[in-house]
Protein backbone atom coordinates (compact mmCIF):
# COMPACT_ATOMS: atom_id res chain seq x y z
CA UNK A 1 110.11 85.07 91.66
CA UNK A 2 107.61 83.39 89.38
CA UNK A 3 104.24 85.07 89.05
CA UNK A 4 101.35 84.56 86.66
CA UNK A 5 100.09 88.14 86.52
CA UNK A 6 101.28 91.62 87.48
CA UNK A 7 98.85 94.52 87.67
CA UNK A 8 99.65 98.18 88.19
CA UNK A 9 97.08 100.73 89.29
CA UNK A 10 98.49 104.17 88.57
CA UNK A 11 96.49 106.78 90.42
CA UNK A 12 96.96 110.50 90.78
CA UNK A 13 98.95 110.10 94.01
CA UNK A 14 99.75 106.39 94.49
CA UNK A 15 100.90 103.52 92.27
CA UNK A 16 99.92 100.05 93.51
CA UNK A 17 101.43 96.92 91.99
CA UNK A 18 99.91 93.51 92.75
CA UNK A 19 101.43 90.13 91.84
CA UNK A 20 99.29 87.01 91.46
CA UNK A 21 99.93 83.28 91.18
CA UNK A 22 97.67 80.40 90.06
CA UNK A 23 95.66 82.83 87.93
CA UNK A 24 94.21 79.98 85.85
CA UNK A 25 92.82 78.18 88.89
CA UNK A 26 89.52 78.64 90.67
CA UNK A 27 91.39 80.29 93.55
CA UNK A 28 94.04 82.73 92.32
CA UNK A 29 96.47 83.89 94.98
CA UNK A 30 97.62 87.44 95.62
CA UNK A 31 101.30 86.96 96.43
CA UNK A 32 102.00 90.54 97.45
CA UNK A 33 101.36 94.24 96.86
CA UNK A 34 103.71 97.19 96.77
CA UNK A 35 102.95 100.90 96.84
CA UNK A 36 104.91 103.97 95.83
CA UNK A 37 103.94 107.53 95.07
CA UNK A 38 102.97 108.10 91.45
CA UNK A 39 105.90 109.49 89.47
CA UNK A 40 104.01 111.32 86.73
CA UNK A 41 105.61 114.59 87.88
CA UNK A 42 109.02 113.09 87.10
CA UNK A 43 107.76 112.48 83.56
CA UNK A 44 107.93 108.68 83.77
CA UNK A 45 105.31 106.52 85.49
CA UNK A 46 107.51 103.43 85.21
CA UNK A 47 109.71 104.78 88.03
CA UNK A 48 106.83 104.34 90.49
CA UNK A 49 106.08 100.86 89.13
CA UNK A 50 109.71 99.80 89.49
CA UNK A 51 109.85 101.16 93.07
CA UNK A 52 106.64 99.29 93.97
CA UNK A 53 108.12 96.09 92.50
CA UNK A 54 111.23 96.59 94.65
CA UNK A 55 108.99 96.76 97.71
CA UNK A 56 107.36 93.47 96.66
CA UNK A 57 110.80 91.90 96.19
CA UNK A 58 111.75 92.93 99.74
CA UNK A 59 108.51 91.52 101.15
CA UNK A 60 108.91 88.19 99.36
CA UNK A 61 112.70 87.99 99.59
CA UNK A 62 113.03 87.25 95.87
CA UNK A 63 114.03 89.22 92.77
CA UNK A 64 111.46 89.68 90.02
CA UNK A 65 112.79 89.36 86.46
CA UNK A 66 109.59 89.67 84.44
CA UNK A 67 109.43 93.32 83.33
CA UNK A 68 111.99 95.37 81.46
CA UNK A 69 111.11 99.02 80.95
């Protein structure tokens, strides 16, 4: 999946990842969002981000190759 921007909001209980396209246009598009519980208690917040990205991949039916933790 090609996206222009990925944001991650890491809260105390929930991690929300949002992927955008056409970010340089006047009308950016939110392609999808994924949520997972925040994994700070596991000692690694990237686990929650990766799980939220997997949810996005399922929703869009495409694999995302843009982030390597």
